[in-house]
Full PDB file with SEQRES, HELIX, SHEET, SSBOND, CRYST1, ORIGX, SCALE, CONECT and MASTER records, all heavy atoms in Angstrom:
SEQRES   1 A   36  LEU THR THR PHE SER ILE ALA ASN ASP VAL ALA LYS TYR          
SEQRES   2 A   36  PHE ALA ILE ILE PRO ALA MET PHE MET GLY LEU PHE PRO          
SEQRES   3 A   36  GLY LEU ALA VAL LEU ASN ILE MET GLY LEU                      
HELIX    1 AA1 THR A    2  PHE A   21  1                                  20    
HELIX    2 AA2 PRO A   26  LEU A   31  5                                   6    
CRYST1    1.000    1.000    1.000  90.00  90.00  90.00 P 1           1          
ORIGX1      1.000000  0.000000  0.000000        0.00000                         
ORIGX2      0.000000  1.000000  0.000000        0.00000                         
ORIGX3      0.000000  0.000000  1.000000        0.00000                         
SCALE1      1.000000  0.000000  0.000000        0.00000                         
SCALE2      0.000000  1.000000  0.000000        0.00000                         
SCALE3      0.000000  0.000000  1.000000        0.00000                         
ATOM      1  N   LEU A   1     -69.096-151.415  31.635  1.00  0.00           N  
ATOM      2  CA  LEU A   1     -69.180-152.832  31.811  1.00  0.00           C  
ATOM      3  C   LEU A   1     -67.870-153.534  31.271  1.00  0.00           C  
ATOM      4  O   LEU A   1     -67.570-154.600  31.734  1.00  0.00           O  
ATOM      5  CB  LEU A   1     -70.390-153.423  31.042  1.00  0.00           C  
ATOM      6  CG  LEU A   1     -71.740-152.996  31.643  1.00  0.00           C  
ATOM      7  CD1 LEU A   1     -72.931-153.613  30.992  1.00  0.00           C  
ATOM      8  CD2 LEU A   1     -71.780-153.389  33.157  1.00  0.00           C  
ATOM      9  N   THR A   2     -67.263-152.879  30.327  1.00  0.00           N  
ATOM     10  CA  THR A   2     -65.911-153.482  29.914  1.00  0.00           C  
ATOM     11  C   THR A   2     -64.924-153.314  31.014  1.00  0.00           C  
ATOM     12  O   THR A   2     -64.180-154.259  31.291  1.00  0.00           O  
ATOM     13  CB  THR A   2     -65.352-152.691  28.688  1.00  0.00           C  
ATOM     14  OG1 THR A   2     -66.352-152.802  27.632  1.00  0.00           O  
ATOM     15  CG2 THR A   2     -63.967-153.254  28.226  1.00  0.00           C  
ATOM     16  N   THR A   3     -64.896-152.212  31.730  1.00  0.00           N  
ATOM     17  CA  THR A   3     -64.049-152.038  32.913  1.00  0.00           C  
ATOM     18  C   THR A   3     -64.344-153.040  34.021  1.00  0.00           C  
ATOM     19  O   THR A   3     -63.448-153.710  34.498  1.00  0.00           O  
ATOM     20  CB  THR A   3     -64.183-150.579  33.468  1.00  0.00           C  
ATOM     21  OG1 THR A   3     -63.936-149.632  32.421  1.00  0.00           O  
ATOM     22  CG2 THR A   3     -63.223-150.383  34.603  1.00  0.00           C  
ATOM     23  N   PHE A   4     -65.658-153.258  34.257  1.00  0.00           N  
ATOM     24  CA  PHE A   4     -66.074-154.207  35.241  1.00  0.00           C  
ATOM     25  C   PHE A   4     -65.674-155.643  34.869  1.00  0.00           C  
ATOM     26  O   PHE A   4     -65.078-156.391  35.658  1.00  0.00           O  
ATOM     27  CB  PHE A   4     -67.579-154.189  35.429  1.00  0.00           C  
ATOM     28  CG  PHE A   4     -68.159-155.117  36.451  1.00  0.00           C  
ATOM     29  CD1 PHE A   4     -68.270-154.682  37.813  1.00  0.00           C  
ATOM     30  CD2 PHE A   4     -68.494-156.375  36.175  1.00  0.00           C  
ATOM     31  CE1 PHE A   4     -68.651-155.569  38.728  1.00  0.00           C  
ATOM     32  CE2 PHE A   4     -68.942-157.230  37.137  1.00  0.00           C  
ATOM     33  CZ  PHE A   4     -69.046-156.822  38.409  1.00  0.00           C  
ATOM     34  N   SER A   5     -65.785-155.936  33.613  1.00  0.00           N  
ATOM     35  CA  SER A   5     -65.532-157.356  33.183  1.00  0.00           C  
ATOM     36  C   SER A   5     -64.018-157.676  33.253  1.00  0.00           C  
ATOM     37  O   SER A   5     -63.645-158.720  33.745  1.00  0.00           O  
ATOM     38  CB  SER A   5     -65.955-157.427  31.610  1.00  0.00           C  
ATOM     39  OG  SER A   5     -65.557-158.769  31.171  1.00  0.00           O  
ATOM     40  N   ILE A   6     -63.146-156.731  32.945  1.00  0.00           N  
ATOM     41  CA  ILE A   6     -61.762-156.930  33.032  1.00  0.00           C  
ATOM     42  C   ILE A   6     -61.296-156.907  34.471  1.00  0.00           C  
ATOM     43  O   ILE A   6     -60.437-157.809  34.855  1.00  0.00           O  
ATOM     44  CB  ILE A   6     -60.956-155.926  32.185  1.00  0.00           C  
ATOM     45  CG1 ILE A   6     -61.324-156.095  30.667  1.00  0.00           C  
ATOM     46  CG2 ILE A   6     -59.490-156.036  32.406  1.00  0.00           C  
ATOM     47  CD1 ILE A   6     -60.706-155.010  29.748  1.00  0.00           C  
ATOM     48  N   ALA A   7     -61.848-156.006  35.235  1.00  0.00           N  
ATOM     49  CA  ALA A   7     -61.467-155.952  36.683  1.00  0.00           C  
ATOM     50  C   ALA A   7     -61.812-157.144  37.472  1.00  0.00           C  
ATOM     51  O   ALA A   7     -61.147-157.601  38.361  1.00  0.00           O  
ATOM     52  CB  ALA A   7     -62.149-154.675  37.306  1.00  0.00           C  
ATOM     53  N   ASN A   8     -63.056-157.772  37.158  1.00  0.00           N  
ATOM     54  CA  ASN A   8     -63.465-158.857  38.024  1.00  0.00           C  
ATOM     55  C   ASN A   8     -62.670-160.215  37.719  1.00  0.00           C  
ATOM     56  O   ASN A   8     -62.703-161.155  38.469  1.00  0.00           O  
ATOM     57  CB  ASN A   8     -64.951-159.161  37.977  1.00  0.00           C  
ATOM     58  CG  ASN A   8     -65.417-159.718  36.612  1.00  0.00           C  
ATOM     59  OD1 ASN A   8     -64.666-160.308  35.868  1.00  0.00           O  
ATOM     60  ND2 ASN A   8     -66.673-159.466  36.335  1.00  0.00           N  
ATOM     61  N   ASP A   9     -61.806-160.128  36.650  1.00  0.00           N  
ATOM     62  CA  ASP A   9     -60.912-161.281  36.370  1.00  0.00           C  
ATOM     63  C   ASP A   9     -59.830-161.369  37.469  1.00  0.00           C  
ATOM     64  O   ASP A   9     -59.302-162.466  37.784  1.00  0.00           O  
ATOM     65  CB  ASP A   9     -60.305-161.179  35.062  1.00  0.00           C  
ATOM     66  CG  ASP A   9     -61.220-161.510  33.956  1.00  0.00           C  
ATOM     67  OD1 ASP A   9     -62.319-162.069  34.236  1.00  0.00           O  
ATOM     68  OD2 ASP A   9     -61.020-161.133  32.766  1.00  0.00           O  
ATOM     69  N   VAL A  10     -59.482-160.175  38.091  1.00  0.00           N  
ATOM     70  CA  VAL A  10     -58.440-160.102  39.063  1.00  0.00           C  
ATOM     71  C   VAL A  10     -58.760-161.037  40.280  1.00  0.00           C  
ATOM     72  O   VAL A  10     -57.949-161.775  40.747  1.00  0.00           O  
ATOM     73  CB  VAL A  10     -58.216-158.674  39.555  1.00  0.00           C  
ATOM     74  CG1 VAL A  10     -57.240-158.642  40.763  1.00  0.00           C  
ATOM     75  CG2 VAL A  10     -57.746-157.858  38.403  1.00  0.00           C  
ATOM     76  N   ALA A  11     -60.092-160.895  40.762  1.00  0.00           N  
ATOM     77  CA  ALA A  11     -60.458-161.739  41.837  1.00  0.00           C  
ATOM     78  C   ALA A  11     -60.474-163.223  41.489  1.00  0.00           C  
ATOM     79  O   ALA A  11     -60.205-164.081  42.359  1.00  0.00           O  
ATOM     80  CB  ALA A  11     -61.852-161.302  42.349  1.00  0.00           C  
ATOM     81  N   LYS A  12     -60.833-163.544  40.254  1.00  0.00           N  
ATOM     82  CA  LYS A  12     -60.891-165.008  39.851  1.00  0.00           C  
ATOM     83  C   LYS A  12     -59.573-165.573  39.843  1.00  0.00           C  
ATOM     84  O   LYS A  12     -59.396-166.774  40.161  1.00  0.00           O  
ATOM     85  CB  LYS A  12     -61.512-165.064  38.492  1.00  0.00           C  
ATOM     86  CG  LYS A  12     -62.934-164.586  38.336  1.00  0.00           C  
ATOM     87  CD  LYS A  12     -63.396-164.549  36.951  1.00  0.00           C  
ATOM     88  CE  LYS A  12     -64.715-163.873  36.824  1.00  0.00           C  
ATOM     89  NZ  LYS A  12     -65.125-163.630  35.388  1.00  0.00           N  
ATOM     90  N   TYR A  13     -58.449-164.793  39.654  1.00  0.00           N  
ATOM     91  CA  TYR A  13     -57.107-165.306  39.718  1.00  0.00           C  
ATOM     92  C   TYR A  13     -56.885-165.898  41.161  1.00  0.00           C  
ATOM     93  O   TYR A  13     -56.296-166.979  41.381  1.00  0.00           O  
ATOM     94  CB  TYR A  13     -56.062-164.243  39.409  1.00  0.00           C  
ATOM     95  CG  TYR A  13     -56.160-163.662  38.023  1.00  0.00           C  
ATOM     96  CD1 TYR A  13     -55.693-162.299  37.808  1.00  0.00           C  
ATOM     97  CD2 TYR A  13     -56.698-164.343  36.966  1.00  0.00           C  
ATOM     98  CE1 TYR A  13     -55.751-161.805  36.608  1.00  0.00           C  
ATOM     99  CE2 TYR A  13     -56.710-163.772  35.710  1.00  0.00           C  
ATOM    100  CZ  TYR A  13     -56.263-162.431  35.530  1.00  0.00           C  
ATOM    101  OH  TYR A  13     -56.306-161.925  34.352  1.00  0.00           O  
ATOM    102  N   PHE A  14     -57.286-165.114  42.129  1.00  0.00           N  
ATOM    103  CA  PHE A  14     -57.091-165.483  43.602  1.00  0.00           C  
ATOM    104  C   PHE A  14     -57.959-166.698  43.953  1.00  0.00           C  
ATOM    105  O   PHE A  14     -57.764-167.352  44.916  1.00  0.00           O  
ATOM    106  CB  PHE A  14     -57.347-164.282  44.487  1.00  0.00           C  
ATOM    107  CG  PHE A  14     -56.281-163.270  44.473  1.00  0.00           C  
ATOM    108  CD1 PHE A  14     -56.445-162.206  43.580  1.00  0.00           C  
ATOM    109  CD2 PHE A  14     -55.138-163.361  45.246  1.00  0.00           C  
ATOM    110  CE1 PHE A  14     -55.460-161.250  43.526  1.00  0.00           C  
ATOM    111  CE2 PHE A  14     -54.186-162.376  45.116  1.00  0.00           C  
ATOM    112  CZ  PHE A  14     -54.305-161.268  44.246  1.00  0.00           C  
ATOM    113  N   ALA A  15     -59.009-166.985  43.145  1.00  0.00           N  
ATOM    114  CA  ALA A  15     -59.876-168.172  43.476  1.00  0.00           C  
ATOM    115  C   ALA A  15     -59.333-169.361  42.767  1.00  0.00           C  
ATOM    116  O   ALA A  15     -59.251-170.463  43.464  1.00  0.00           O  
ATOM    117  CB  ALA A  15     -61.278-167.805  42.988  1.00  0.00           C  
ATOM    118  N   ILE A  16     -58.892-169.316  41.546  1.00  0.00           N  
ATOM    119  CA  ILE A  16     -58.621-170.500  40.758  1.00  0.00           C  
ATOM    120  C   ILE A  16     -57.133-170.881  40.857  1.00  0.00           C  
ATOM    121  O   ILE A  16     -56.836-172.081  41.027  1.00  0.00           O  
ATOM    122  CB  ILE A  16     -59.111-170.330  39.310  1.00  0.00           C  
ATOM    123  CG1 ILE A  16     -60.586-170.313  39.285  1.00  0.00           C  
ATOM    124  CG2 ILE A  16     -58.655-171.496  38.417  1.00  0.00           C  
ATOM    125  CD1 ILE A  16     -61.209-170.272  37.912  1.00  0.00           C  
ATOM    126  N   ILE A  17     -56.264-169.935  40.598  1.00  0.00           N  
ATOM    127  CA  ILE A  17     -54.851-170.315  40.593  1.00  0.00           C  
ATOM    128  C   ILE A  17     -54.397-171.052  41.826  1.00  0.00           C  
ATOM    129  O   ILE A  17     -53.723-172.077  41.766  1.00  0.00           O  
ATOM    130  CB  ILE A  17     -53.998-169.068  40.340  1.00  0.00           C  
ATOM    131  CG1 ILE A  17     -54.328-168.399  38.999  1.00  0.00           C  
ATOM    132  CG2 ILE A  17     -52.468-169.416  40.301  1.00  0.00           C  
ATOM    133  CD1 ILE A  17     -54.115-169.298  37.761  1.00  0.00           C  
ATOM    134  N   PRO A  18     -54.666-170.528  43.104  1.00  0.00           N  
ATOM    135  CA  PRO A  18     -54.237-171.248  44.310  1.00  0.00           C  
ATOM    136  C   PRO A  18     -54.938-172.588  44.325  1.00  0.00           C  
ATOM    137  O   PRO A  18     -54.345-173.585  44.688  1.00  0.00           O  
ATOM    138  CB  PRO A  18     -54.717-170.366  45.404  1.00  0.00           C  
ATOM    139  CG  PRO A  18     -54.803-168.990  44.871  1.00  0.00           C  
ATOM    140  CD  PRO A  18     -55.215-169.252  43.387  1.00  0.00           C  
ATOM    141  N   ALA A  19     -56.223-172.703  43.861  1.00  0.00           N  
ATOM    142  CA  ALA A  19     -56.904-173.969  43.945  1.00  0.00           C  
ATOM    143  C   ALA A  19     -56.287-175.052  43.075  1.00  0.00           C  
ATOM    144  O   ALA A  19     -56.249-176.240  43.370  1.00  0.00           O  
ATOM    145  CB  ALA A  19     -58.348-173.711  43.594  1.00  0.00           C  
ATOM    146  N   MET A  20     -55.741-174.518  41.926  1.00  0.00           N  
ATOM    147  CA  MET A  20     -55.156-175.510  40.966  1.00  0.00           C  
ATOM    148  C   MET A  20     -53.791-176.108  41.489  1.00  0.00           C  
ATOM    149  O   MET A  20     -53.492-177.214  41.176  1.00  0.00           O  
ATOM    150  CB  MET A  20     -54.965-174.811  39.634  1.00  0.00           C  
ATOM    151  CG  MET A  20     -56.328-174.471  38.938  1.00  0.00           C  
ATOM    152  SD  MET A  20     -55.933-173.582  37.341  1.00  0.00           S  
ATOM    153  CE  MET A  20     -54.991-174.738  36.485  1.00  0.00           C  
ATOM    154  N   PHE A  21     -53.058-175.297  42.160  1.00  0.00           N  
ATOM    155  CA  PHE A  21     -51.710-175.706  42.480  1.00  0.00           C  
ATOM    156  C   PHE A  21     -51.342-175.854  43.956  1.00  0.00           C  
ATOM    157  O   PHE A  21     -50.168-176.156  44.342  1.00  0.00           O  
ATOM    158  CB  PHE A  21     -50.675-174.735  41.821  1.00  0.00           C  
ATOM    159  CG  PHE A  21     -50.791-174.727  40.331  1.00  0.00           C  
ATOM    160  CD1 PHE A  21     -51.372-173.716  39.677  1.00  0.00           C  
ATOM    161  CD2 PHE A  21     -50.137-175.788  39.659  1.00  0.00           C  
ATOM    162  CE1 PHE A  21     -51.475-173.667  38.258  1.00  0.00           C  
ATOM    163  CE2 PHE A  21     -50.245-175.704  38.225  1.00  0.00           C  
ATOM    164  CZ  PHE A  21     -50.849-174.680  37.593  1.00  0.00           C  
ATOM    165  N   MET A  22     -52.342-175.640  44.835  1.00  0.00           N  
ATOM    166  CA  MET A  22     -52.017-175.776  46.311  1.00  0.00           C  
ATOM    167  C   MET A  22     -51.540-177.121  46.661  1.00  0.00           C  
ATOM    168  O   MET A  22     -50.781-177.307  47.631  1.00  0.00           O  
ATOM    169  CB  MET A  22     -53.248-175.324  47.119  1.00  0.00           C  
ATOM    170  CG  MET A  22     -53.286-173.869  47.348  1.00  0.00           C  
ATOM    171  SD  MET A  22     -54.485-173.422  48.702  1.00  0.00           S  
ATOM    172  CE  MET A  22     -56.034-174.090  48.058  1.00  0.00           C  
ATOM    173  N   GLY A  23     -52.104-178.188  45.937  1.00  0.00           N  
ATOM    174  CA  GLY A  23     -51.714-179.563  46.313  1.00  0.00           C  
ATOM    175  C   GLY A  23     -50.243-179.769  46.035  1.00  0.00           C  
ATOM    176  O   GLY A  23     -49.616-180.564  46.662  1.00  0.00           O  
ATOM    177  N   LEU A  24     -49.742-179.104  45.017  1.00  0.00           N  
ATOM    178  CA  LEU A  24     -48.348-179.296  44.612  1.00  0.00           C  
ATOM    179  C   LEU A  24     -47.383-178.346  45.329  1.00  0.00           C  
ATOM    180  O   LEU A  24     -46.317-178.674  45.782  1.00  0.00           O  
ATOM    181  CB  LEU A  24     -48.174-179.120  43.124  1.00  0.00           C  
ATOM    182  CG  LEU A  24     -46.772-179.313  42.503  1.00  0.00           C  
ATOM    183  CD1 LEU A  24     -46.323-180.801  42.781  1.00  0.00           C  
ATOM    184  CD2 LEU A  24     -46.770-179.009  41.035  1.00  0.00           C  
ATOM    185  N   PHE A  25     -47.940-177.083  45.468  1.00  0.00           N  
ATOM    186  CA  PHE A  25     -47.154-176.012  46.112  1.00  0.00           C  
ATOM    187  C   PHE A  25     -47.975-175.462  47.270  1.00  0.00           C  
ATOM    188  O   PHE A  25     -48.699-174.482  47.145  1.00  0.00           O  
ATOM    189  CB  PHE A  25     -46.788-174.920  45.176  1.00  0.00           C  
ATOM    190  CG  PHE A  25     -46.090-175.362  43.903  1.00  0.00           C  
ATOM    191  CD1 PHE A  25     -46.759-175.457  42.695  1.00  0.00           C  
ATOM    192  CD2 PHE A  25     -44.760-175.811  43.941  1.00  0.00           C  
ATOM    193  CE1 PHE A  25     -46.094-175.853  41.568  1.00  0.00           C  
ATOM    194  CE2 PHE A  25     -44.085-176.181  42.838  1.00  0.00           C  
ATOM    195  CZ  PHE A  25     -44.743-176.259  41.575  1.00  0.00           C  
ATOM    196  N   PRO A  26     -47.796-176.038  48.421  1.00  0.00           N  
ATOM    197  CA  PRO A  26     -48.606-175.586  49.646  1.00  0.00           C  
ATOM    198  C   PRO A  26     -48.426-174.072  49.918  1.00  0.00           C  
ATOM    199  O   PRO A  26     -49.221-173.455  50.499  1.00  0.00           O  
ATOM    200  CB  PRO A  26     -48.090-176.436  50.747  1.00  0.00           C  
ATOM    201  CG  PRO A  26     -47.474-177.660  50.080  1.00  0.00           C  
ATOM    202  CD  PRO A  26     -46.992-177.229  48.733  1.00  0.00           C  
ATOM    203  N   GLY A  27     -47.296-173.547  49.542  1.00  0.00           N  
ATOM    204  CA  GLY A  27     -47.011-172.137  49.799  1.00  0.00           C  
ATOM    205  C   GLY A  27     -47.991-171.213  49.129  1.00  0.00           C  
ATOM    206  O   GLY A  27     -48.238-170.065  49.515  1.00  0.00           O  
ATOM    207  N   LEU A  28     -48.690-171.740  48.068  1.00  0.00           N  
ATOM    208  CA  LEU A  28     -49.689-170.910  47.327  1.00  0.00           C  
ATOM    209  C   LEU A  28     -50.940-170.645  48.165  1.00  0.00           C  
ATOM    210  O   LEU A  28     -51.745-169.843  47.841  1.00  0.00           O  
ATOM    211  CB  LEU A  28     -50.079-171.500  46.029  1.00  0.00           C  
ATOM    212  CG  LEU A  28     -49.026-171.517  44.911  1.00  0.00           C  
ATOM    213  CD1 LEU A  28     -49.544-172.261  43.665  1.00  0.00           C  
ATOM    214  CD2 LEU A  28     -48.708-170.081  44.519  1.00  0.00           C  
ATOM    215  N   ALA A  29     -51.047-171.351  49.255  1.00  0.00           N  
ATOM    216  CA  ALA A  29     -52.195-171.112  50.180  1.00  0.00           C  
ATOM    217  C   ALA A  29     -52.304-169.717  50.663  1.00  0.00           C  
ATOM    218  O   ALA A  29     -53.422-169.223  50.972  1.00  0.00           O  
ATOM    219  CB  ALA A  29     -52.166-172.149  51.339  1.00  0.00           C  
ATOM    220  N   VAL A  30     -51.135-169.134  50.718  1.00  0.00           N  
ATOM    221  CA  VAL A  30     -51.194-167.724  51.172  1.00  0.00           C  
ATOM    222  C   VAL A  30     -51.940-166.762  50.251  1.00  0.00           C  
ATOM    223  O   VAL A  30     -52.530-165.752  50.623  1.00  0.00           O  
ATOM    224  CB  VAL A  30     -49.711-167.183  51.279  1.00  0.00           C  
ATOM    225  CG1 VAL A  30     -48.997-167.259  50.133  1.00  0.00           C  
ATOM    226  CG2 VAL A  30     -49.732-165.723  51.875  1.00  0.00           C  
ATOM    227  N   LEU A  31     -52.146-167.209  48.949  1.00  0.00           N  
ATOM    228  CA  LEU A  31     -52.913-166.433  47.994  1.00  0.00           C  
ATOM    229  C   LEU A  31     -54.417-166.673  48.093  1.00  0.00           C  
ATOM    230  O   LEU A  31     -55.191-166.016  47.461  1.00  0.00           O  
ATOM    231  CB  LEU A  31     -52.441-166.781  46.547  1.00  0.00           C  
ATOM    232  CG  LEU A  31     -51.002-166.339  46.226  1.00  0.00           C  
ATOM    233  CD1 LEU A  31     -50.676-166.792  44.700  1.00  0.00           C  
ATOM    234  CD2 LEU A  31     -50.797-164.871  46.457  1.00  0.00           C  
ATOM    235  N   ASN A  32     -54.725-167.724  48.883  1.00  0.00           N  
ATOM    236  CA  ASN A  32     -56.132-168.097  49.050  1.00  0.00           C  
ATOM    237  C   ASN A  32     -56.768-167.127  50.121  1.00  0.00           C  
ATOM    238  O   ASN A  32     -57.224-167.509  51.172  1.00  0.00           O  
ATOM    239  CB  ASN A  32     -56.306-169.551  49.465  1.00  0.00           C  
ATOM    240  CG  ASN A  32     -57.789-169.986  49.599  1.00  0.00           C  
ATOM    241  OD1 ASN A  32     -58.621-169.350  48.984  1.00  0.00           O  
ATOM    242  ND2 ASN A  32     -57.977-171.062  50.331  1.00  0.00           N  
ATOM    243  N   ILE A  33     -56.721-165.854  49.749  1.00  0.00           N  
ATOM    244  CA  ILE A  33     -57.140-164.786  50.742  1.00  0.00           C  
ATOM    245  C   ILE A  33     -58.669-164.780  50.995  1.00  0.00           C  
ATOM    246  O   ILE A  33     -59.104-164.253  51.975  1.00  0.00           O  
ATOM    247  CB  ILE A  33     -56.747-163.402  50.212  1.00  0.00           C  
ATOM    248  CG1 ILE A  33     -57.330-163.117  48.847  1.00  0.00           C  
ATOM    249  CG2 ILE A  33     -55.215-163.290  50.127  1.00  0.00           C  
ATOM    250  CD1 ILE A  33     -57.019-161.726  48.377  1.00  0.00           C  
ATOM    251  N   MET A  34     -59.406-165.534  50.082  1.00  0.00           N  
ATOM    252  CA  MET A  34     -60.853-165.630  50.321  1.00  0.00           C  
ATOM    253  C   MET A  34     -61.169-166.756  51.363  1.00  0.00           C  
ATOM    254  O   MET A  34     -62.303-166.902  51.766  1.00  0.00           O  
ATOM    255  CB  MET A  34     -61.576-165.927  49.051  1.00  0.00           C  
ATOM    256  CG  MET A  34     -61.685-164.584  48.135  1.00  0.00           C  
ATOM    257  SD  MET A  34     -62.728-164.894  46.694  1.00  0.00           S  
ATOM    258  CE  MET A  34     -61.377-165.373  45.562  1.00  0.00           C  
ATOM    259  N   GLY A  35     -60.146-167.547  51.625  1.00  0.00           N  
ATOM    260  CA  GLY A  35     -60.372-168.739  52.545  1.00  0.00           C  
ATOM    261  C   GLY A  35     -61.411-169.694  51.940  1.00  0.00           C  
ATOM    262  O   GLY A  35     -62.250-170.166  52.663  1.00  0.00           O  
ATOM    263  N   LEU A  36     -61.250-170.032  50.666  1.00  0.00           N  
ATOM    264  CA  LEU A  36     -62.196-170.889  49.983  1.00  0.00           C  
ATOM    265  C   LEU A  36     -62.019-172.325  50.621  1.00  0.00           C  
ATOM    266  O   LEU A  36     -60.938-172.714  50.940  1.00  0.00           O  
ATOM    267  CB  LEU A  36     -61.979-170.850  48.536  1.00  0.00           C  
ATOM    268  CG  LEU A  36     -62.174-169.502  47.835  1.00  0.00           C  
ATOM    269  CD1 LEU A  36     -61.906-169.538  46.353  1.00  0.00           C  
ATOM    270  CD2 LEU A  36     -63.531-168.961  48.214  1.00  0.00           C  
TER     271      LEU A  36                                                      
MASTER        0    0    0    2    0    0    0    6  270    1    0    3          
END                                                                             
């Protein structure tokens, strides 16, 4: 469960980081691979 906990943070980066800065840096949309 420690392995799972640390690993699932990777996916959250792709959810939150693009969402926070896409308005300022449209190029970050390419990281929105989930198409949120």
